[in-house]
Amino acid sequence: MKAVPEILNAHPSVFAIDGRYQIIVPFAHAAIVWVKVGDSTYYDDANGILKSNNYVHKVEVPMDELDREKTYTLCYRKMINRTPYFPESEDTVELTYSFKPVEGSNINIYHISDAHNMEDAPIEAGKYFGDALDLLILNGDIPDHSGDTANFNSIYRICSGITEGSLPIVFSKGNHDTRGIYGEAFHEYTPSDNGKPYYTFRLGSLWGLVLDCGEDKDDSHDAYSYTTCFHNYRLKETKWLEEIISKEEYNEEGIKHKIVISHVPFSYIQKPPFDIEQELYRYWTELVSNKIKPELLLYGHTHVCKIYEPGSDFDAYKLQTCPAVVGSQPNHKDGTFTGCAITLGEEKPMIIFNSNK
């Protein structure tokens, strides 16, 4: 494995979001950061000011440009003293990474959710495809909570251990990610579409939709103590989903595969007090099934590895038109982690559950 420089907490992670990549790098020391792709340079800045106060740096680059160049260079200067005048920093360091975009109609995907701060076991399981891996999906609750920003390093260490900065990643937010003081700033430390954790993406012949259900209990639940308004949030997300449906971008030329990713399984009714938003989630399932018509629904949250066909008890509203896959099972007692290897090809998807042991 390529060594991680001491100043970094992990290699860069390249996240796909709606026509661009967000390259995110966690640092162990204050630094200013930029990325070079071909002849172009892209910065982590705030209105022209290079950021150094946030140790998780996010640089956005055009997807078509990085796909064409198949390489990028991470550049940084370690800050010594950022004074108002004549700030001091070390010399520029440049690290070049190769990049493999998703190409062709056969796509190897590895899916991880619910790691809850486990790192080594998900990394080992996630190496199932070896060099043949095309895409990594992290589907929520990778950290155990957002009460400490140190937890976010688990996201980037898992990405680093599996992709080494050289493969695209799709990221979904989980319900545990909402918990803790930094839940309100979660989008600053992770990929998002202008602050929103729900978005679409296109990677070669694959089109995808990422949805965010927020918390798994009603806003009135004592666990939240008046700190959530997820019902209103989901109503806004529903209007956005309707707009996506109206554009029909999932039917564009060259798309051979469609998937929908959500940490919480919205097409399944759980036992109380988790049986929330049934009318709204039924509507989501109807829109997804009848309009988008995905090849797979990819879920996490329930800590099992199972495939649920249309018409099963899991298909609560009897609206599923494709398999629903819950694809991660952590076991903190024995240190094992089971994830999901998926191959999209000419036939129906091949799905294999594997563990690190």
Foldseek 3Di string as FASTA:
>chain_A
DDDDDPQWLFFWAWAFFDFKTKTKTAGPAFKFKWKDQVPDIWGQADVPHGDRPHRIGITIDGPVRCQVRQKMKIKIWGWDADDPPDGDTHDIDIDMDGAHFDEDQKAKEWEAEQCQLQAPWLLLQLCVVPPRHAEYEYAENQHQAPADCVSLSSVRNSSRSRQVNHHYYYYAYYQRDCHHPCSVVSCVNDPADVSHRWGWGDGQQEIETEDEQHHQADCPDVVCVNPDDSVVVLVVVVVVLVVVLVVLPLPDPRHDFYEYGHADPLQFADDPRRRPDVVSSLVVLQCCCVRNNGLEYEYENPQDFDKDAQPDNRRVNSRDPHIYTHFWHADPVVSKIKGWMWIRHPDRIDIDIDISD
